[in-house]
Full PDB file with SEQRES, HELIX, SHEET, SSBOND, CRYST1, ORIGX, SCALE, CONECT and MASTER records, all heavy atoms in Angstrom:
SEQRES   1 A   29  SER LEU LEU ASP ASP ASP ASP THR ARG LEU ARG MET ALA          
SEQRES   2 A   29  GLY GLU ALA VAL GLN HIS ALA ALA ASN PHE SER TRP SER          
SEQRES   3 A   29  ALA SER ALA                                                  
HELIX    1 AA1 ASP A    6  ALA A   20  1                                  15    
HELIX    2 AA2 TRP A   25  SER A   28  1                                   4    
CRYST1    1.000    1.000    1.000  90.00  90.00  90.00 P 1           1          
ORIGX1      1.000000  0.000000  0.000000        0.00000                         
ORIGX2      0.000000  1.000000  0.000000        0.00000                         
ORIGX3      0.000000  0.000000  1.000000        0.00000                         
SCALE1      1.000000  0.000000  0.000000        0.00000                         
SCALE2      0.000000  1.000000  0.000000        0.00000                         
SCALE3      0.000000  0.000000  1.000000        0.00000                         
ATOM      1  N   SER A   1      99.122  93.413  77.807  1.00  0.00           N  
ATOM      2  CA  SER A   1     100.000  92.253  77.657  1.00  0.00           C  
ATOM      3  C   SER A   1     100.887  92.063  78.883  1.00  0.00           C  
ATOM      4  O   SER A   1     101.176  90.919  79.273  1.00  0.00           O  
ATOM      5  CB  SER A   1     100.853  92.387  76.397  1.00  0.00           C  
ATOM      6  OG  SER A   1     101.818  93.436  76.527  1.00  0.00           O  
ATOM      7  N   LEU A   2     101.319  93.157  79.507  1.00  0.00           N  
ATOM      8  CA  LEU A   2     102.146  93.035  80.705  1.00  0.00           C  
ATOM      9  C   LEU A   2     101.297  92.838  81.954  1.00  0.00           C  
ATOM     10  O   LEU A   2     101.662  92.062  82.846  1.00  0.00           O  
ATOM     11  CB  LEU A   2     103.027  94.277  80.869  1.00  0.00           C  
ATOM     12  CG  LEU A   2     104.301  94.337  80.028  1.00  0.00           C  
ATOM     13  CD1 LEU A   2     105.188  95.503  80.459  1.00  0.00           C  
ATOM     14  CD2 LEU A   2     105.088  93.033  80.125  1.00  0.00           C  
ATOM     15  N   LEU A   3     100.173  93.508  82.048  1.00  0.00           N  
ATOM     16  CA  LEU A   3      99.310  93.343  83.213  1.00  0.00           C  
ATOM     17  C   LEU A   3      98.773  91.914  83.315  1.00  0.00           C  
ATOM     18  O   LEU A   3      98.569  91.398  84.421  1.00  0.00           O  
ATOM     19  CB  LEU A   3      98.148  94.337  83.155  1.00  0.00           C  
ATOM     20  CG  LEU A   3      98.502  95.815  83.361  1.00  0.00           C  
ATOM     21  CD1 LEU A   3      97.280  96.690  83.109  1.00  0.00           C  
ATOM     22  CD2 LEU A   3      99.060  96.076  84.752  1.00  0.00           C  
ATOM     23  N   ASP A   4      98.578  91.271  82.178  1.00  0.00           N  
ATOM     24  CA  ASP A   4      98.009  89.922  82.155  1.00  0.00           C  
ATOM     25  C   ASP A   4      99.061  88.819  82.236  1.00  0.00           C  
ATOM     26  O   ASP A   4      98.712  87.643  82.314  1.00  0.00           O  
ATOM     27  CB  ASP A   4      97.167  89.716  80.891  1.00  0.00           C  
ATOM     28  CG  ASP A   4      95.933  90.611  80.862  1.00  0.00           C  
ATOM     29  OD1 ASP A   4      95.513  91.087  81.934  1.00  0.00           O  
ATOM     30  OD2 ASP A   4      95.393  90.845  79.755  1.00  0.00           O  
ATOM     31  N   ASP A   5     100.316  89.193  82.213  1.00  0.00           N  
ATOM     32  CA  ASP A   5     101.403  88.200  82.214  1.00  0.00           C  
ATOM     33  C   ASP A   5     102.311  88.467  83.415  1.00  0.00           C  
ATOM     34  O   ASP A   5     103.331  89.156  83.308  1.00  0.00           O  
ATOM     35  CB  ASP A   5     102.190  88.282  80.900  1.00  0.00           C  
ATOM     36  CG  ASP A   5     103.199  87.156  80.734  1.00  0.00           C  
ATOM     37  OD1 ASP A   5     103.519  86.472  81.739  1.00  0.00           O  
ATOM     38  OD2 ASP A   5     103.692  86.972  79.597  1.00  0.00           O  
ATOM     39  N   ASP A   6     101.948  87.897  84.561  1.00  0.00           N  
ATOM     40  CA  ASP A   6     102.697  88.146  85.788  1.00  0.00           C  
ATOM     41  C   ASP A   6     104.141  87.683  85.680  1.00  0.00           C  
ATOM     42  O   ASP A   6     105.058  88.366  86.164  1.00  0.00           O  
ATOM     43  CB  ASP A   6     102.023  87.445  86.970  1.00  0.00           C  
ATOM     44  CG  ASP A   6     100.666  88.054  87.320  1.00  0.00           C  
ATOM     45  OD1 ASP A   6     100.398  89.191  86.891  1.00  0.00           O  
ATOM     46  OD2 ASP A   6      99.875  87.373  88.016  1.00  0.00           O  
ATOM     47  N   ASP A   7     104.369  86.533  85.066  1.00  0.00           N  
ATOM     48  CA  ASP A   7     105.721  85.988  84.985  1.00  0.00           C  
ATOM     49  C   ASP A   7     106.646  86.927  84.205  1.00  0.00           C  
ATOM     50  O   ASP A   7     107.772  87.216  84.638  1.00  0.00           O  
ATOM     51  CB  ASP A   7     105.709  84.605  84.331  1.00  0.00           C  
ATOM     52  CG  ASP A   7     105.054  83.541  85.210  1.00  0.00           C  
ATOM     53  OD1 ASP A   7     104.957  83.764  86.435  1.00  0.00           O  
ATOM     54  OD2 ASP A   7     104.642  82.489  84.671  1.00  0.00           O  
ATOM     55  N   THR A   8     106.187  87.392  83.049  1.00  0.00           N  
ATOM     56  CA  THR A   8     107.004  88.296  82.239  1.00  0.00           C  
ATOM     57  C   THR A   8     107.244  89.609  82.966  1.00  0.00           C  
ATOM     58  O   THR A   8     108.357  90.142  82.978  1.00  0.00           O  
ATOM     59  CB  THR A   8     106.342  88.563  80.878  1.00  0.00           C  
ATOM     60  OG1 THR A   8     106.258  87.338  80.155  1.00  0.00           O  
ATOM     61  CG2 THR A   8     107.127  89.580  80.070  1.00  0.00           C  
ATOM     62  N   ARG A   9     106.204  90.124  83.591  1.00  0.00           N  
ATOM     63  CA  ARG A   9     106.335  91.416  84.275  1.00  0.00           C  
ATOM     64  C   ARG A   9     107.324  91.303  85.441  1.00  0.00           C  
ATOM     65  O   ARG A   9     108.160  92.203  85.647  1.00  0.00           O  
ATOM     66  CB  ARG A   9     104.963  91.878  84.778  1.00  0.00           C  
ATOM     67  CG  ARG A   9     104.929  93.356  85.174  1.00  0.00           C  
ATOM     68  CD  ARG A   9     103.520  93.798  85.564  1.00  0.00           C  
ATOM     69  NE  ARG A   9     103.063  93.155  86.799  1.00  0.00           N  
ATOM     70  CZ  ARG A   9     102.190  92.197  86.856  1.00  0.00           C  
ATOM     71  NH1 ARG A   9     101.634  91.748  85.740  1.00  0.00           N  
ATOM     72  NH2 ARG A   9     101.813  91.661  88.016  1.00  0.00           N  
ATOM     73  N   LEU A  10     107.272  90.233  86.191  1.00  0.00           N  
ATOM     74  CA  LEU A  10     108.186  90.045  87.313  1.00  0.00           C  
ATOM     75  C   LEU A  10     109.624  89.834  86.829  1.00  0.00           C  
ATOM     76  O   LEU A  10     110.572  90.312  87.441  1.00  0.00           O  
ATOM     77  CB  LEU A  10     107.735  88.875  88.178  1.00  0.00           C  
ATOM     78  CG  LEU A  10     106.426  89.112  88.963  1.00  0.00           C  
ATOM     79  CD1 LEU A  10     105.969  87.840  89.646  1.00  0.00           C  
ATOM     80  CD2 LEU A  10     106.599  90.240  89.976  1.00  0.00           C  
ATOM     81  N   ARG A  11     109.778  89.122  85.724  1.00  0.00           N  
ATOM     82  CA  ARG A  11     111.123  88.947  85.157  1.00  0.00           C  
ATOM     83  C   ARG A  11     111.689  90.293  84.723  1.00  0.00           C  
ATOM     84  O   ARG A  11     112.850  90.607  84.987  1.00  0.00           O  
ATOM     85  CB  ARG A  11     111.073  87.990  83.968  1.00  0.00           C  
ATOM     86  CG  ARG A  11     112.403  87.904  83.198  1.00  0.00           C  
ATOM     87  CD  ARG A  11     112.312  86.982  82.014  1.00  0.00           C  
ATOM     88  NE  ARG A  11     111.306  87.394  81.043  1.00  0.00           N  
ATOM     89  CZ  ARG A  11     111.491  88.400  80.152  1.00  0.00           C  
ATOM     90  NH1 ARG A  11     112.621  89.066  80.123  1.00  0.00           N  
ATOM     91  NH2 ARG A  11     110.521  88.704  79.296  1.00  0.00           N  
ATOM     92  N   MET A  12     110.852  91.095  84.049  1.00  0.00           N  
ATOM     93  CA  MET A  12     111.288  92.416  83.615  1.00  0.00           C  
ATOM     94  C   MET A  12     111.644  93.301  84.806  1.00  0.00           C  
ATOM     95  O   MET A  12     112.584  94.100  84.728  1.00  0.00           O  
ATOM     96  CB  MET A  12     110.196  93.088  82.784  1.00  0.00           C  
ATOM     97  CG  MET A  12     110.041  92.520  81.382  1.00  0.00           C  
ATOM     98  SD  MET A  12     108.784  93.438  80.452  1.00  0.00           S  
ATOM     99  CE  MET A  12     109.023  92.736  78.802  1.00  0.00           C  
ATOM    100  N   ALA A  13     110.926  93.162  85.895  1.00  0.00           N  
ATOM    101  CA  ALA A  13     111.204  93.968  87.088  1.00  0.00           C  
ATOM    102  C   ALA A  13     112.629  93.748  87.581  1.00  0.00           C  
ATOM    103  O   ALA A  13     113.345  94.696  87.918  1.00  0.00           O  
ATOM    104  CB  ALA A  13     110.199  93.646  88.190  1.00  0.00           C  
ATOM    105  N   GLY A  14     113.045  92.490  87.627  1.00  0.00           N  
ATOM    106  CA  GLY A  14     114.401  92.186  88.058  1.00  0.00           C  
ATOM    107  C   GLY A  14     115.448  92.695  87.090  1.00  0.00           C  
ATOM    108  O   GLY A  14     116.475  93.258  87.500  1.00  0.00           O  
ATOM    109  N   GLU A  15     115.198  92.523  85.794  1.00  0.00           N  
ATOM    110  CA  GLU A  15     116.160  92.982  84.792  1.00  0.00           C  
ATOM    111  C   GLU A  15     116.209  94.504  84.716  1.00  0.00           C  
ATOM    112  O   GLU A  15     117.239  95.083  84.366  1.00  0.00           O  
ATOM    113  CB  GLU A  15     115.816  92.380  83.427  1.00  0.00           C  
ATOM    114  CG  GLU A  15     115.981  90.862  83.383  1.00  0.00           C  
ATOM    115  CD  GLU A  15     115.777  90.276  81.999  1.00  0.00           C  
ATOM    116  OE1 GLU A  15     115.709  91.063  81.031  1.00  0.00           O  
ATOM    117  OE2 GLU A  15     115.699  89.029  81.874  1.00  0.00           O  
ATOM    118  N   ALA A  16     115.092  95.156  85.042  1.00  0.00           N  
ATOM    119  CA  ALA A  16     115.050  96.618  85.014  1.00  0.00           C  
ATOM    120  C   ALA A  16     116.037  97.220  86.001  1.00  0.00           C  
ATOM    121  O   ALA A  16     116.717  98.205  85.705  1.00  0.00           O  
ATOM    122  CB  ALA A  16     113.630  97.107  85.313  1.00  0.00           C  
ATOM    123  N   VAL A  17     116.121  96.629  87.196  1.00  0.00           N  
ATOM    124  CA  VAL A  17     117.042  97.124  88.215  1.00  0.00           C  
ATOM    125  C   VAL A  17     118.483  97.013  87.729  1.00  0.00           C  
ATOM    126  O   VAL A  17     119.290  97.943  87.883  1.00  0.00           O  
ATOM    127  CB  VAL A  17     116.854  96.360  89.536  1.00  0.00           C  
ATOM    128  CG1 VAL A  17     117.873  96.812  90.575  1.00  0.00           C  
ATOM    129  CG2 VAL A  17     115.435  96.543  90.068  1.00  0.00           C  
ATOM    130  N   GLN A  18     118.829  95.877  87.136  1.00  0.00           N  
ATOM    131  CA  GLN A  18     120.180  95.680  86.621  1.00  0.00           C  
ATOM    132  C   GLN A  18     120.496  96.653  85.487  1.00  0.00           C  
ATOM    133  O   GLN A  18     121.595  97.190  85.384  1.00  0.00           O  
ATOM    134  CB  GLN A  18     120.351  94.237  86.151  1.00  0.00           C  
ATOM    135  CG  GLN A  18     120.177  93.203  87.263  1.00  0.00           C  
ATOM    136  CD  GLN A  18     120.252  91.778  86.752  1.00  0.00           C  
ATOM    137  OE1 GLN A  18     120.921  91.511  85.754  1.00  0.00           O  
ATOM    138  NE2 GLN A  18     119.585  90.854  87.416  1.00  0.00           N  
ATOM    139  N   HIS A  19     119.515  96.878  84.620  1.00  0.00           N  
ATOM    140  CA  HIS A  19     119.689  97.808  83.502  1.00  0.00           C  
ATOM    141  C   HIS A  19     119.961  99.226  84.001  1.00  0.00           C  
ATOM    142  O   HIS A  19     120.890  99.898  83.538  1.00  0.00           O  
ATOM    143  CB  HIS A  19     118.447  97.781  82.619  1.00  0.00           C  
ATOM    144  CG  HIS A  19     118.469  98.748  81.472  1.00  0.00           C  
ATOM    145  ND1 HIS A  19     119.386  98.672  80.443  1.00  0.00           N  
ATOM    146  CD2 HIS A  19     117.678  99.827  81.199  1.00  0.00           C  
ATOM    147  CE1 HIS A  19     119.153  99.641  79.571  1.00  0.00           C  
ATOM    148  NE2 HIS A  19     118.138 100.364  80.019  1.00  0.00           N  
ATOM    149  N   ALA A  20     119.172  99.680  84.967  1.00  0.00           N  
ATOM    150  CA  ALA A  20     119.334 101.037  85.496  1.00  0.00           C  
ATOM    151  C   ALA A  20     120.674 101.224  86.183  1.00  0.00           C  
ATOM    152  O   ALA A  20     121.232 102.321  86.184  1.00  0.00           O  
ATOM    153  CB  ALA A  20     118.192 101.353  86.462  1.00  0.00           C  
ATOM    154  N   ALA A  21     121.208 100.154  86.764  1.00  0.00           N  
ATOM    155  CA  ALA A  21     122.488 100.244  87.471  1.00  0.00           C  
ATOM    156  C   ALA A  21     123.641 100.606  86.542  1.00  0.00           C  
ATOM    157  O   ALA A  21     124.700 101.041  87.002  1.00  0.00           O  
ATOM    158  CB  ALA A  21     122.780  98.924  88.188  1.00  0.00           C  
ATOM    159  N   ASN A  22     123.443 100.442  85.234  1.00  0.00           N  
ATOM    160  CA  ASN A  22     124.483 100.795  84.265  1.00  0.00           C  
ATOM    161  C   ASN A  22     124.565 102.296  84.004  1.00  0.00           C  
ATOM    162  O   ASN A  22     125.474 102.758  83.317  1.00  0.00           O  
ATOM    163  CB  ASN A  22     124.237 100.075  82.936  1.00  0.00           C  
ATOM    164  CG  ASN A  22     124.363  98.562  83.061  1.00  0.00           C  
ATOM    165  OD1 ASN A  22     125.251  98.069  83.747  1.00  0.00           O  
ATOM    166  ND2 ASN A  22     123.483  97.825  82.393  1.00  0.00           N  
ATOM    167  N   PHE A  23     123.624 103.059  84.547  1.00  0.00           N  
ATOM    168  CA  PHE A  23     123.572 104.496  84.330  1.00  0.00           C  
ATOM    169  C   PHE A  23     123.702 105.211  85.679  1.00  0.00           C  
ATOM    170  O   PHE A  23     122.870 105.044  86.546  1.00  0.00           O  
ATOM    171  CB  PHE A  23     122.264 104.897  83.644  1.00  0.00           C  
ATOM    172  CG  PHE A  23     122.068 104.293  82.285  1.00  0.00           C  
ATOM    173  CD1 PHE A  23     121.553 103.010  82.164  1.00  0.00           C  
ATOM    174  CD2 PHE A  23     122.395 104.993  81.135  1.00  0.00           C  
ATOM    175  CE1 PHE A  23     121.365 102.440  80.911  1.00  0.00           C  
ATOM    176  CE2 PHE A  23     122.208 104.433  79.884  1.00  0.00           C  
ATOM    177  CZ  PHE A  23     121.702 103.148  79.771  1.00  0.00           C  
ATOM    178  N   SER A  24     124.741 105.997  85.837  1.00  0.00           N  
ATOM    179  CA  SER A  24     124.942 106.721  87.094  1.00  0.00           C  
ATOM    180  C   SER A  24     125.312 108.160  86.805  1.00  0.00           C  
ATOM    181  O   SER A  24     125.935 108.476  85.784  1.00  0.00           O  
ATOM    182  CB  SER A  24     126.045 106.068  87.940  1.00  0.00           C  
ATOM    183  OG  SER A  24     127.322 106.304  87.381  1.00  0.00           O  
ATOM    184  N   TRP A  25     124.940 109.054  87.713  1.00  0.00           N  
ATOM    185  CA  TRP A  25     125.300 110.471  87.566  1.00  0.00           C  
ATOM    186  C   TRP A  25     126.796 110.684  87.733  1.00  0.00           C  
ATOM    187  O   TRP A  25     127.367 111.600  87.130  1.00  0.00           O  
ATOM    188  CB  TRP A  25     124.521 111.319  88.576  1.00  0.00           C  
ATOM    189  CG  TRP A  25     123.065 111.399  88.276  1.00  0.00           C  
ATOM    190  CD1 TRP A  25     122.025 110.988  89.051  1.00  0.00           C  
ATOM    191  CD2 TRP A  25     122.464 111.953  87.093  1.00  0.00           C  
ATOM    192  NE1 TRP A  25     120.824 111.229  88.436  1.00  0.00           N  
ATOM    193  CE2 TRP A  25     121.064 111.819  87.232  1.00  0.00           C  
ATOM    194  CE3 TRP A  25     122.978 112.532  85.922  1.00  0.00           C  
ATOM    195  CZ2 TRP A  25     120.169 112.251  86.257  1.00  0.00           C  
ATOM    196  CZ3 TRP A  25     122.088 112.958  84.937  1.00  0.00           C  
ATOM    197  CH2 TRP A  25     120.706 112.829  85.113  1.00  0.00           C  
ATOM    198  N   SER A  26     127.435 109.868  88.527  1.00  0.00           N  
ATOM    199  CA  SER A  26     128.878 109.979  88.689  1.00  0.00           C  
ATOM    200  C   SER A  26     129.594 109.724  87.368  1.00  0.00           C  
ATOM    201  O   SER A  26     130.523 110.461  86.996  1.00  0.00           O  
ATOM    202  CB  SER A  26     129.362 108.997  89.761  1.00  0.00           C  
ATOM    203  OG  SER A  26     130.769 109.039  89.876  1.00  0.00           O  
ATOM    204  N   ALA A  27     129.152 108.675  86.641  1.00  0.00           N  
ATOM    205  CA  ALA A  27     129.756 108.376  85.340  1.00  0.00           C  
ATOM    206  C   ALA A  27     129.477 109.494  84.340  1.00  0.00           C  
ATOM    207  O   ALA A  27     130.346 109.868  83.549  1.00  0.00           O  
ATOM    208  CB  ALA A  27     129.227 107.044  84.814  1.00  0.00           C  
ATOM    209  N   SER A  28     128.256 110.041  84.377  1.00  0.00           N  
ATOM    210  CA  SER A  28     127.914 111.148  83.486  1.00  0.00           C  
ATOM    211  C   SER A  28     128.831 112.343  83.728  1.00  0.00           C  
ATOM    212  O   SER A  28     129.336 112.965  82.790  1.00  0.00           O  
ATOM    213  CB  SER A  28     126.455 111.574  83.682  1.00  0.00           C  
ATOM    214  OG  SER A  28     125.564 110.511  83.421  1.00  0.00           O  
ATOM    215  N   ALA A  29     129.041 112.669  85.004  1.00  0.00           N  
ATOM    216  CA  ALA A  29     129.890 113.802  85.354  1.00  0.00           C  
ATOM    217  C   ALA A  29     131.335 113.573  84.936  1.00  0.00           C  
ATOM    218  O   ALA A  29     132.010 114.498  84.465  1.00  0.00           O  
ATOM    219  CB  ALA A  29     129.806 114.072  86.853  1.00  0.00           C  
TER     220      ALA A  29                                                      
MASTER        0    0    0    2    0    0    0    6  219    1    0    3          
END                                                                             
């Protein structure tokens, strides 16, 4: 479903970066 849907996969790629930015080792420490 993701391999066949370039638009969705590319949108998720951008949102994935923003999502990961909410988690940092500095905050964990």
